[in-house]
Protein backbone atom coordinates (compact mmCIF):
# COMPACT_ATOMS: atom_id res chain seq x y z
CA MET A 1 100.36 67.54 105.37
CA ASN A 2 102.64 64.67 106.29
CA ARG A 3 106.08 65.08 108.18
CA THR A 4 108.35 65.19 104.98
CA GLU A 5 106.16 68.10 103.42
CA LYS A 6 106.40 70.09 106.84
CA GLU A 7 110.11 69.55 106.91
CA THR A 8 110.35 70.82 103.21
CA THR A 9 108.10 73.76 103.89
CA VAL A 10 109.98 74.60 107.23
CA ALA A 11 113.51 74.46 105.31
CA ALA A 12 112.11 76.50 102.42
CA LEU A 13 110.51 79.17 104.69
CA ASN A 14 113.94 79.32 106.91
CA GLN A 15 115.97 80.01 103.50
CA ALA A 16 113.79 82.61 102.56
CA LEU A 17 113.81 84.29 105.67
CA SER A 18 117.47 84.06 106.04
CA GLU A 19 117.88 86.00 102.86
CA ALA A 20 115.15 88.57 104.07
CA ALA A 21 115.96 91.87 105.84
CA ILE A 22 112.40 92.26 107.18
CA ILE A 23 109.43 90.30 108.04
CA VAL A 24 105.93 91.61 108.51
CA VAL A 25 103.41 89.29 110.22
CA VAL A 26 99.68 90.27 109.38
CA ARG A 27 96.54 88.74 110.88
CA GLN A 28 94.55 87.80 108.23
CA SER A 29 91.03 86.13 108.16
CA GLY A 30 88.22 85.71 105.52
CA MET A 31 90.15 86.75 102.52
CA SER A 32 88.68 85.49 99.56
CA VAL A 33 91.10 83.80 96.68
CA GLY A 34 90.91 87.05 94.53
CA GLU A 35 91.85 89.17 97.30
CA SER A 36 94.77 86.70 98.38
CA THR A 37 95.99 86.45 94.64
CA ASN A 38 95.70 90.27 94.35
CA LEU A 39 98.14 90.57 97.58
CA ARG A 40 100.49 88.06 96.42
CA ARG A 41 100.70 89.87 92.87
CA LYS A 42 101.49 93.28 94.48
CA MET A 43 104.05 91.65 96.88
CA ARG A 44 105.86 90.08 93.97
CA GLU A 45 105.69 93.17 91.81
CA ALA A 46 107.65 94.64 94.95
CA GLY A 47 110.21 92.22 95.00
CA ALA A 48 108.47 90.75 98.36
CA ALA A 49 106.80 87.48 99.14
CA PHE A 50 103.62 86.40 101.35
CA LYS A 51 103.24 83.15 102.77
CA VAL A 52 100.38 81.68 104.86
CA THR A 53 101.50 78.87 107.02
CA LYS A 54 100.77 77.36 110.33
CA ASN A 55 102.18 79.20 113.20
CA THR A 56 104.34 76.24 114.55
CA LEU A 57 105.86 75.71 111.02
CA ALA A 58 106.75 79.38 111.23
CA ARG A 59 108.06 79.39 114.42
CA LEU A 60 110.42 76.76 113.57
CA ALA A 61 111.56 78.44 110.38
CA LEU A 62 112.43 81.37 112.28
CA LYS A 63 115.08 79.22 114.19
CA GLY A 64 118.60 80.24 112.80
CA THR A 65 117.29 83.49 111.49
CA PRO A 66 117.96 87.07 112.88
CA PHE A 67 113.91 86.99 113.21
CA GLU A 68 114.13 84.65 116.05
CA LYS A 69 112.77 87.15 118.65
CA SER A 70 109.67 87.77 116.80
CA GLU A 71 108.18 84.09 117.00
CA ASP A 72 105.51 85.51 119.90
CA LEU A 73 103.75 87.57 117.12
CA PHE A 74 102.52 84.05 115.69
CA SER A 75 99.36 83.54 117.55
CA GLY A 76 95.75 83.18 115.84
CA PRO A 77 95.33 83.23 111.95
CA THR A 78 98.46 84.69 110.61
CA ALA A 79 100.50 85.12 107.55
CA ILE A 80 104.05 86.51 107.02
CA GLY A 81 105.45 88.82 104.34
CA TYR A 82 109.00 89.13 103.75
CA SER A 83 111.43 90.76 101.38
CA ALA A 84 115.11 91.81 100.91
CA ASP A 85 114.46 95.35 100.61
CA PRO A 86 113.56 96.41 104.05
CA VAL A 87 110.92 98.81 103.23
CA ALA A 88 108.89 96.72 100.22
CA ALA A 89 107.19 94.11 102.42
CA ALA A 90 105.85 96.76 105.03
CA LYS A 91 104.81 99.35 102.35
CA VAL A 92 102.72 96.95 100.37
CA LEU A 93 101.32 95.01 103.43
CA SER A 94 100.28 98.53 105.09
CA GLU A 95 98.74 99.81 101.81
CA PHE A 96 96.60 96.69 101.40
CA ALA A 97 95.58 96.86 104.93
CA LYS A 98 94.25 100.13 104.58
CA THR A 99 91.90 99.29 101.70
CA ASN A 100 91.10 95.62 103.39
CA ASP A 101 89.70 95.10 106.77
CA LYS A 102 90.30 91.37 106.69
CA VAL A 103 94.27 92.24 107.04
CA GLN A 104 95.77 93.40 110.18
CA ILE A 105 99.23 94.29 110.87
CA VAL A 106 100.28 92.72 113.93
CA GLY A 107 104.01 93.50 113.85
CA GLY A 108 107.29 92.50 112.33
CA ALA A 109 111.27 92.54 112.73
CA LEU A 110 113.83 94.49 111.02
CA GLY A 111 116.87 92.34 111.50
CA THR A 112 117.01 91.65 115.12
CA GLN A 113 114.80 94.30 116.12
CA VAL A 114 111.07 93.36 116.67
CA LEU A 115 108.61 95.88 115.55
CA ASP A 116 105.11 96.39 116.73
CA ALA A 117 102.17 97.53 114.41
CA ALA A 118 103.33 101.19 114.58
CA GLY A 119 106.82 100.52 113.66
CA VAL A 120 105.80 98.69 110.53
CA ASP A 121 103.55 101.44 109.68
CA ALA A 122 106.41 104.04 110.32
CA LEU A 123 108.76 102.13 108.16
CA ALA A 124 106.35 101.72 105.37
CA LYS A 125 106.19 105.39 104.94
CA LEU A 126 109.90 105.66 104.22
CA PRO A 127 110.85 105.87 100.45
CA SER A 128 111.97 102.36 99.13
CA LEU A 129 115.41 101.49 97.77
CA ASP A 130 114.57 102.47 94.36
CA GLU A 131 112.92 105.82 94.86
CA LEU A 132 116.26 106.39 97.41
CA ARG A 133 118.60 105.40 94.33
CA ALA A 134 116.73 107.63 91.78
CA LYS A 135 116.95 110.68 94.61
CA ILE A 136 120.78 110.17 94.55
CA ILE A 137 121.09 110.12 90.98
CA GLY A 138 119.10 113.31 90.66
CA VAL A 139 121.12 115.12 93.05
CA ILE A 140 124.39 113.90 91.60
CA SER A 141 123.20 114.75 87.96
CA ALA A 142 121.98 118.04 89.03
CA PRO A 143 125.13 119.99 89.08
CA ALA A 144 126.40 118.45 85.99
CA GLN A 145 123.16 119.86 84.06
CA LYS A 146 123.80 123.16 85.63
CA LEU A 147 127.22 123.10 84.50
CA ALA A 148 126.06 122.49 80.82
CA SER A 149 123.43 124.85 80.80
CA ILE A 150 125.98 127.48 82.23
CA THR A 151 128.71 126.88 79.65
CA GLN A 152 125.99 126.94 76.70
CA ALA A 153 124.72 130.29 77.91
CA PRO A 154 127.43 132.63 76.61
CA ALA A 155 127.32 130.94 72.90
CA GLY A 156 123.44 131.60 73.10
CA GLN A 157 123.94 135.29 74.32
CA LEU A 158 126.39 135.85 71.70
CA ALA A 159 124.27 134.42 68.75
CA ARG A 160 121.29 136.45 70.18
CA VAL A 161 123.27 139.86 69.99
CA LEU A 162 124.62 138.71 66.24
CA ASN A 163 120.97 138.27 65.50
CA ALA A 164 119.73 141.72 66.87
CA TYR A 165 122.61 143.42 64.79
CA ALA A 166 121.63 141.28 61.67
CA THR A 167 118.19 142.18 62.20
CA LYS A 168 118.82 146.00 62.97
CA ASP A 169 121.17 146.32 59.70
CA ALA A 170 118.23 144.53 57.64
CA ALA A 171 115.62 147.15 58.89
């Protein structure tokens, strides 16, 4: 990789990290191409990204982002996962690390706060942004559904009473 390629890589990663809400640093070694492809696919489906890069380039890319304080996490064979959703990258990488012993969570950062591996796991247990939105919609729509069923109940009761009189008269 020559100097211009390195500069391009650092600039692209810096841009991506500037738009991210969370980064998760993992130690990965010995992953096969299939495992790596599977992880990247899962990350894309969750709206996150996974990048393997040299630690020096990753540290340079962190400059000017909220994650500057997390540069100490980059030592050894590391990779970085990041997403705009504060939970997505942590959730996917945590689940993947449970099933694959070649991936180990080192830590991460949520905004300016540096997280250890336990902090990333705790964050992964939180519901995602889409799950929270679904719960809020459910809470908002529940009273409307109850109101509709209550307003329909008297008409249903009246219909049942009339049906009872009609069947009584017929008998």
